Amino acid sequence: MHFTLLDGSEYKAIGDLSTGQRCTVVLPLILEQKERVIIVDQPEDHIDNAFIADTVVKAIRERSAESQILFSTHNPNIPVLGEAERVIHMSSDGKRGFGLEAAGLDDSAIVTAITNVMEGGRDAFQRRAKFYGKH
């Protein structure tokens, strides 16, 4: 089996792609595995926000309620647009990781964690919204 990616007007073999481009080929295929628990560690490290919002979130939402995906992410689009059932706000002391809060998206502590950690705080979020509103 050979994987290729249409890059502009040219199909490129997977061996000729950047790490991010490889992720755009492979991640949707992995997310199609609905009978398995899928663990994804920070996909935003290698792929852009548009791909996450358009393709990854769509693949997450198309999975059945019986399937499970665990994401480690700093990207708010994944839990928010993906309508996460449960969010765990994690922290670390430099030696080990631990959970600070665990709840659904409607929990105020989770909303605060997403706002502060993933969005960069209310001020950053509001400045981006103002910027987008102008343009």
N, C-alpha and C. Protein backbone atom coordinates (compact mmCIF):
# COMPACT_ATOMS: atom_id res chain seq x y z
N MET A 1 0.85 -1.17 0.00
CA MET A 1 0.00 0.00 0.00
C MET A 1 0.90 1.24 0.00
N HIS A 2 0.55 2.21 -0.80
CA HIS A 2 1.33 3.45 -0.89
C HIS A 2 0.43 4.62 -0.53
N PHE A 3 0.95 5.52 0.28
CA PHE A 3 0.22 6.72 0.66
C PHE A 3 0.82 7.92 -0.05
N THR A 4 -0.05 8.79 -0.55
CA THR A 4 0.39 10.02 -1.18
C THR A 4 -0.48 11.16 -0.68
N LEU A 5 0.02 12.37 -0.87
CA LEU A 5 -0.71 13.57 -0.49
C LEU A 5 -0.69 14.52 -1.67
N LEU A 6 -1.86 15.07 -1.99
CA LEU A 6 -1.93 16.07 -3.04
C LEU A 6 -1.45 17.38 -2.45
N ASP A 7 -0.30 17.84 -2.91
CA ASP A 7 0.32 19.08 -2.44
C ASP A 7 0.30 20.07 -3.60
N GLY A 8 -0.70 20.97 -3.58
CA GLY A 8 -0.88 21.85 -4.74
C GLY A 8 -1.45 21.05 -5.89
N SER A 9 -0.68 20.92 -6.96
CA SER A 9 -1.13 20.14 -8.12
C SER A 9 -0.33 18.85 -8.28
N GLU A 10 0.49 18.53 -7.27
CA GLU A 10 1.40 17.38 -7.36
C GLU A 10 1.14 16.39 -6.23
N TYR A 11 1.07 15.10 -6.59
CA TYR A 11 0.98 14.06 -5.59
C TYR A 11 2.39 13.73 -5.12
N LYS A 12 2.57 13.69 -3.80
CA LYS A 12 3.88 13.38 -3.22
C LYS A 12 3.79 12.09 -2.41
N ALA A 13 4.82 11.27 -2.54
CA ALA A 13 4.91 10.04 -1.75
C ALA A 13 5.12 10.40 -0.30
N ILE A 14 4.65 9.55 0.60
CA ILE A 14 4.73 9.84 2.03
C ILE A 14 6.17 10.05 2.49
N GLY A 15 7.12 9.38 1.87
CA GLY A 15 8.53 9.55 2.23
C GLY A 15 9.09 10.91 1.88
N ASP A 16 8.40 11.64 1.00
CA ASP A 16 8.85 12.96 0.57
C ASP A 16 8.13 14.09 1.30
N LEU A 17 7.32 13.75 2.29
CA LEU A 17 6.52 14.75 2.99
C LEU A 17 7.19 15.20 4.28
N SER A 18 6.83 16.39 4.73
CA SER A 18 7.27 16.88 6.04
C SER A 18 6.53 16.09 7.12
N THR A 19 6.97 16.22 8.36
CA THR A 19 6.31 15.52 9.46
C THR A 19 4.84 15.94 9.55
N GLY A 20 4.57 17.23 9.40
CA GLY A 20 3.20 17.71 9.45
C GLY A 20 2.35 17.15 8.34
N GLN A 21 2.91 17.10 7.13
CA GLN A 21 2.17 16.53 6.01
C GLN A 21 1.91 15.05 6.22
N ARG A 22 2.87 14.34 6.78
CA ARG A 22 2.65 12.91 7.09
C ARG A 22 1.51 12.74 8.07
N CYS A 23 1.45 13.63 9.07
CA CYS A 23 0.36 13.56 10.04
C CYS A 23 -0.99 13.79 9.38
N THR A 24 -1.05 14.68 8.39
CA THR A 24 -2.32 14.94 7.72
C THR A 24 -2.78 13.74 6.91
N VAL A 25 -1.84 12.90 6.50
CA VAL A 25 -2.20 11.68 5.78
C VAL A 25 -2.64 10.59 6.76
N VAL A 26 -1.89 10.42 7.83
CA VAL A 26 -2.08 9.26 8.72
C VAL A 26 -3.15 9.48 9.79
N LEU A 27 -3.23 10.67 10.39
CA LEU A 27 -4.15 10.87 11.51
C LEU A 27 -5.61 10.57 11.17
N PRO A 28 -6.14 11.03 10.05
CA PRO A 28 -7.53 10.67 9.74
C PRO A 28 -7.73 9.15 9.59
N LEU A 29 -6.73 8.46 9.10
CA LEU A 29 -6.83 6.99 8.98
C LEU A 29 -6.86 6.33 10.36
N ILE A 30 -6.05 6.84 11.26
CA ILE A 30 -6.02 6.30 12.62
C ILE A 30 -7.36 6.53 13.31
N LEU A 31 -7.91 7.73 13.14
CA LEU A 31 -9.17 8.06 13.79
C LEU A 31 -10.35 7.26 13.24
N GLU A 32 -10.17 6.61 12.10
CA GLU A 32 -11.21 5.74 11.53
C GLU A 32 -11.32 4.42 12.29
N GLN A 33 -10.34 4.08 13.11
CA GLN A 33 -10.35 2.83 13.86
C GLN A 33 -11.31 2.95 15.04
N LYS A 34 -12.58 2.72 14.79
CA LYS A 34 -13.61 2.98 15.78
C LYS A 34 -13.76 1.89 16.85
N GLU A 35 -13.18 0.73 16.63
CA GLU A 35 -13.32 -0.36 17.60
C GLU A 35 -12.20 -0.35 18.63
N ARG A 36 -11.30 0.63 18.54
CA ARG A 36 -10.14 0.66 19.43
C ARG A 36 -10.09 1.98 20.19
N VAL A 37 -9.47 1.94 21.36
CA VAL A 37 -9.17 3.17 22.08
C VAL A 37 -7.98 3.81 21.37
N ILE A 38 -8.11 5.08 21.04
CA ILE A 38 -7.05 5.80 20.34
C ILE A 38 -6.46 6.83 21.30
N ILE A 39 -5.14 6.88 21.40
CA ILE A 39 -4.45 7.87 22.22
C ILE A 39 -3.63 8.74 21.28
N VAL A 40 -3.87 10.06 21.32
CA VAL A 40 -3.19 11.00 20.44
C VAL A 40 -2.48 12.03 21.31
N ASP A 41 -1.17 12.15 21.14
CA ASP A 41 -0.38 13.07 21.95
C ASP A 41 -0.01 14.31 21.15
N GLN A 42 -0.62 15.41 21.50
CA GLN A 42 -0.35 16.74 20.94
C GLN A 42 -0.23 16.79 19.41
N PRO A 43 -1.31 16.51 18.71
CA PRO A 43 -1.24 16.56 17.25
C PRO A 43 -0.92 17.95 16.73
N GLU A 44 -1.21 18.98 17.51
CA GLU A 44 -0.96 20.35 17.06
C GLU A 44 0.53 20.66 16.93
N ASP A 45 1.39 19.79 17.44
CA ASP A 45 2.83 20.00 17.28
C ASP A 45 3.26 19.92 15.82
N HIS A 46 2.50 19.21 14.99
CA HIS A 46 2.93 18.98 13.62
C HIS A 46 1.90 19.38 12.55
N ILE A 47 0.70 19.75 12.98
CA ILE A 47 -0.31 20.11 11.98
C ILE A 47 -0.95 21.45 12.34
N ASP A 48 -1.47 22.12 11.34
CA ASP A 48 -1.98 23.46 11.57
C ASP A 48 -3.40 23.46 12.13
N ASN A 49 -3.81 24.60 12.67
CA ASN A 49 -5.12 24.76 13.29
C ASN A 49 -6.27 24.51 12.34
N ALA A 50 -6.11 24.91 11.09
CA ALA A 50 -7.19 24.69 10.12
C ALA A 50 -7.45 23.20 9.93
N PHE A 51 -6.39 22.40 9.84
CA PHE A 51 -6.55 20.95 9.69
C PHE A 51 -7.20 20.37 10.94
N ILE A 52 -6.80 20.85 12.10
CA ILE A 52 -7.41 20.35 13.34
C ILE A 52 -8.90 20.69 13.36
N ALA A 53 -9.25 21.94 13.09
CA ALA A 53 -10.65 22.37 13.15
C ALA A 53 -11.50 21.69 12.08
N ASP A 54 -10.95 21.54 10.87
CA ASP A 54 -11.74 20.99 9.76
C ASP A 54 -11.75 19.47 9.71
N THR A 55 -10.61 18.86 9.86
CA THR A 55 -10.49 17.42 9.63
C THR A 55 -10.47 16.60 10.91
N VAL A 56 -9.62 16.96 11.86
CA VAL A 56 -9.51 16.17 13.08
C VAL A 56 -10.80 16.24 13.89
N VAL A 57 -11.33 17.45 14.09
CA VAL A 57 -12.57 17.59 14.86
C VAL A 57 -13.72 16.86 14.16
N LYS A 58 -13.78 16.95 12.85
CA LYS A 58 -14.83 16.24 12.11
C LYS A 58 -14.72 14.73 12.33
N ALA A 59 -13.50 14.19 12.28
CA ALA A 59 -13.29 12.76 12.50
C ALA A 59 -13.67 12.37 13.93
N ILE A 60 -13.38 13.23 14.89
CA ILE A 60 -13.74 12.96 16.29
C ILE A 60 -15.27 12.88 16.42
N ARG A 61 -15.95 13.85 15.85
CA ARG A 61 -17.41 13.92 16.00
C ARG A 61 -18.12 12.82 15.25
N GLU A 62 -17.49 12.23 14.23
CA GLU A 62 -18.11 11.15 13.47
C GLU A 62 -17.96 9.79 14.14
N ARG A 63 -17.15 9.72 15.18
CA ARG A 63 -16.99 8.45 15.89
C ARG A 63 -18.24 8.16 16.71
N SER A 64 -18.50 6.89 16.94
CA SER A 64 -19.69 6.53 17.71
C SER A 64 -19.48 6.85 19.19
N ALA A 65 -20.58 6.93 19.90
CA ALA A 65 -20.52 7.22 21.33
C ALA A 65 -19.84 6.10 22.11
N GLU A 66 -19.75 4.92 21.52
CA GLU A 66 -19.12 3.78 22.20
C GLU A 66 -17.60 3.77 22.02
N SER A 67 -17.08 4.56 21.11
CA SER A 67 -15.63 4.57 20.89
C SER A 67 -14.99 5.61 21.80
N GLN A 68 -13.69 5.46 22.01
CA GLN A 68 -13.01 6.36 22.94
C GLN A 68 -11.71 6.87 22.34
N ILE A 69 -11.48 8.17 22.50
CA ILE A 69 -10.22 8.81 22.09
C ILE A 69 -9.71 9.60 23.27
N LEU A 70 -8.43 9.47 23.54
CA LEU A 70 -7.78 10.27 24.57
C LEU A 70 -6.79 11.20 23.87
N PHE A 71 -6.95 12.49 24.09
CA PHE A 71 -6.05 13.48 23.50
C PHE A 71 -5.27 14.18 24.60
N SER A 72 -4.00 14.36 24.37
CA SER A 72 -3.18 15.26 25.16
C SER A 72 -2.96 16.45 24.24
N THR A 73 -3.45 17.63 24.63
CA THR A 73 -3.42 18.76 23.71
C THR A 73 -3.38 20.09 24.44
N HIS A 74 -2.84 21.08 23.76
CA HIS A 74 -2.92 22.47 24.20
C HIS A 74 -3.85 23.25 23.28
N ASN A 75 -4.47 22.57 22.33
CA ASN A 75 -5.31 23.23 21.34
C ASN A 75 -6.78 23.18 21.79
N PRO A 76 -7.39 24.35 22.06
CA PRO A 76 -8.76 24.35 22.57
C PRO A 76 -9.79 23.85 21.56
N ASN A 77 -9.46 23.86 20.27
CA ASN A 77 -10.42 23.39 19.27
C ASN A 77 -10.74 21.91 19.45
N ILE A 78 -9.80 21.14 19.93
CA ILE A 78 -10.04 19.70 20.06
C ILE A 78 -11.11 19.41 21.11
N PRO A 79 -10.99 19.87 22.35
CA PRO A 79 -12.07 19.57 23.30
C PRO A 79 -13.34 20.37 23.06
N VAL A 80 -13.21 21.65 22.67
CA VAL A 80 -14.40 22.50 22.55
C VAL A 80 -15.19 22.16 21.30
N LEU A 81 -14.56 22.23 20.12
CA LEU A 81 -15.29 21.92 18.88
C LEU A 81 -15.59 20.42 18.78
N GLY A 82 -14.73 19.60 19.38
CA GLY A 82 -14.95 18.16 19.39
C GLY A 82 -15.97 17.72 20.42
N GLU A 83 -16.47 18.67 21.21
CA GLU A 83 -17.47 18.41 22.24
C GLU A 83 -17.05 17.28 23.17
N ALA A 84 -15.88 17.44 23.79
CA ALA A 84 -15.35 16.43 24.70
C ALA A 84 -16.33 16.11 25.81
N GLU A 85 -16.46 14.84 26.09
CA GLU A 85 -17.33 14.41 27.18
C GLU A 85 -16.69 14.71 28.53
N ARG A 86 -15.36 14.58 28.58
CA ARG A 86 -14.62 14.80 29.83
C ARG A 86 -13.29 15.46 29.49
N VAL A 87 -12.94 16.47 30.27
CA VAL A 87 -11.67 17.16 30.11
C VAL A 87 -10.91 17.04 31.42
N ILE A 88 -9.65 16.70 31.32
CA ILE A 88 -8.81 16.63 32.51
C ILE A 88 -7.72 17.69 32.37
N HIS A 89 -7.75 18.66 33.26
CA HIS A 89 -6.72 19.70 33.28
C HIS A 89 -5.53 19.15 34.05
N MET A 90 -4.41 19.03 33.34
CA MET A 90 -3.21 18.42 33.91
C MET A 90 -2.18 19.48 34.27
N SER A 91 -1.30 19.13 35.19
CA SER A 91 -0.16 19.97 35.54
C SER A 91 1.01 19.05 35.83
N SER A 92 2.13 19.64 36.16
CA SER A 92 3.34 18.86 36.43
C SER A 92 4.20 19.59 37.44
N ASP A 93 4.93 18.83 38.21
CA ASP A 93 5.91 19.42 39.12
C ASP A 93 7.32 19.29 38.55
N GLY A 94 7.43 18.92 37.29
CA GLY A 94 8.71 18.72 36.64
C GLY A 94 9.19 17.28 36.69
N LYS A 95 8.59 16.49 37.56
CA LYS A 95 8.96 15.08 37.69
C LYS A 95 7.80 14.16 37.34
N ARG A 96 6.60 14.64 37.60
CA ARG A 96 5.42 13.82 37.34
C ARG A 96 4.25 14.71 36.97
N GLY A 97 3.32 14.14 36.23
CA GLY A 97 2.11 14.85 35.87
C GLY A 97 0.98 14.45 36.80
N PHE A 98 0.03 15.34 36.98
CA PHE A 98 -1.11 15.04 37.83
C PHE A 98 -2.31 15.88 37.38
N GLY A 99 -3.48 15.37 37.66
CA GLY A 99 -4.71 16.06 37.29
C GLY A 99 -5.09 17.11 38.31
N LEU A 100 -5.52 18.27 37.82
CA LEU A 100 -6.01 19.34 38.70
C LEU A 100 -7.54 19.36 38.75
N GLU A 101 -8.17 19.21 37.61
CA GLU A 101 -9.63 19.21 37.49
C GLU A 101 -10.02 18.17 36.46
N ALA A 102 -11.16 17.55 36.65
CA ALA A 102 -11.69 16.60 35.66
C ALA A 102 -13.20 16.73 35.66
N ALA A 103 -13.73 17.15 34.51
CA ALA A 103 -15.18 17.33 34.41
C ALA A 103 -15.56 17.53 32.94
N GLY A 104 -16.83 17.78 32.72
CA GLY A 104 -17.32 18.04 31.38
C GLY A 104 -17.09 19.49 30.98
N LEU A 105 -17.41 19.79 29.72
CA LEU A 105 -17.20 21.13 29.19
C LEU A 105 -18.08 22.20 29.85
N ASP A 106 -19.14 21.80 30.50
CA ASP A 106 -20.02 22.79 31.13
C ASP A 106 -19.59 23.14 32.55
N ASP A 107 -18.54 22.51 33.05
CA ASP A 107 -18.03 22.79 34.39
C ASP A 107 -17.21 24.08 34.38
N SER A 108 -17.47 24.98 35.32
CA SER A 108 -16.80 26.28 35.33
C SER A 108 -15.28 26.16 35.51
N ALA A 109 -14.81 25.19 36.28
CA ALA A 109 -13.36 25.02 36.46
C ALA A 109 -12.70 24.59 35.15
N ILE A 110 -13.38 23.78 34.37
CA ILE A 110 -12.85 23.35 33.06
C ILE A 110 -12.87 24.50 32.08
N VAL A 111 -13.95 25.29 32.08
CA VAL A 111 -14.02 26.47 31.21
C VAL A 111 -12.88 27.41 31.55
N THR A 112 -12.62 27.63 32.82
CA THR A 112 -11.52 28.50 33.25
C THR A 112 -10.17 27.93 32.81
N ALA A 113 -9.98 26.63 32.96
CA ALA A 113 -8.72 26.00 32.54
C ALA A 113 -8.51 26.14 31.04
N ILE A 114 -9.55 25.89 30.26
CA ILE A 114 -9.43 26.02 28.80
C ILE A 114 -9.14 27.47 28.43
N THR A 115 -9.83 28.39 29.07
CA THR A 115 -9.63 29.81 28.78
C THR A 115 -8.21 30.24 29.13
N ASN A 116 -7.74 29.89 30.31
CA ASN A 116 -6.43 30.35 30.76
C ASN A 116 -5.27 29.61 30.12
N VAL A 117 -5.35 28.30 30.08
CA VAL A 117 -4.22 27.50 29.60
C VAL A 117 -4.20 27.39 28.08
N MET A 118 -5.33 27.04 27.49
CA MET A 118 -5.35 26.79 26.06
C MET A 118 -5.53 28.05 25.23
N GLU A 119 -6.32 28.99 25.72
CA GLU A 119 -6.58 30.21 24.96
C GLU A 119 -5.62 31.34 25.31
N GLY A 120 -4.83 31.18 26.38
CA GLY A 120 -3.89 32.22 26.78
C GLY A 120 -4.51 33.27 27.68
N GLY A 121 -5.69 32.99 28.21
CA GLY A 121 -6.38 33.92 29.10
C GLY A 121 -7.48 34.67 28.39
N ARG A 122 -8.39 35.24 29.18
CA ARG A 122 -9.53 35.98 28.62
C ARG A 122 -9.09 37.17 27.79
N ASP A 123 -8.07 37.90 28.27
CA ASP A 123 -7.62 39.07 27.54
C ASP A 123 -7.11 38.69 26.15
N ALA A 124 -6.29 37.64 26.08
CA ALA A 124 -5.77 37.19 24.77
C ALA A 124 -6.92 36.75 23.86
N PHE A 125 -7.88 36.01 24.42
CA PHE A 125 -9.02 35.56 23.64
C PHE A 125 -9.83 36.75 23.12
N GLN A 126 -10.09 37.73 23.99
CA GLN A 126 -10.87 38.89 23.59
C GLN A 126 -10.13 39.75 22.56
N ARG A 127 -8.81 39.86 22.69
CA ARG A 127 -8.04 40.62 21.69
C ARG A 127 -8.08 39.92 20.33
N ARG A 128 -8.01 38.59 20.32
CA ARG A 128 -8.12 37.87 19.05
C ARG A 128 -9.51 38.06 18.45
N ALA A 129 -10.55 37.98 19.27
CA ALA A 129 -11.91 38.17 18.78
C ALA A 129 -12.08 39.58 18.20
N LYS A 130 -11.52 40.57 18.86
CA LYS A 130 -11.59 41.95 18.35
C LYS A 130 -10.85 42.06 17.02
N PHE A 131 -9.67 41.45 16.94
CA PHE A 131 -8.89 41.45 15.70
C PHE A 131 -9.67 40.81 14.56
N TYR A 132 -10.26 39.64 14.81
CA TYR A 132 -11.02 38.95 13.80
C TYR A 132 -12.24 39.75 13.37
N GLY A 133 -12.86 40.43 14.35
CA GLY A 133 -14.03 41.26 14.05
C GLY A 133 -13.70 42.41 13.10
N LYS A 134 -12.48 42.95 13.21
CA LYS A 134 -12.05 44.05 12.34
C LYS A 134 -11.74 43.56 10.93
N HIS A 135 -11.28 42.35 10.84
CA HIS A 135 -10.79 41.85 9.55
C HIS A 135 -11.71 40.78 9.05
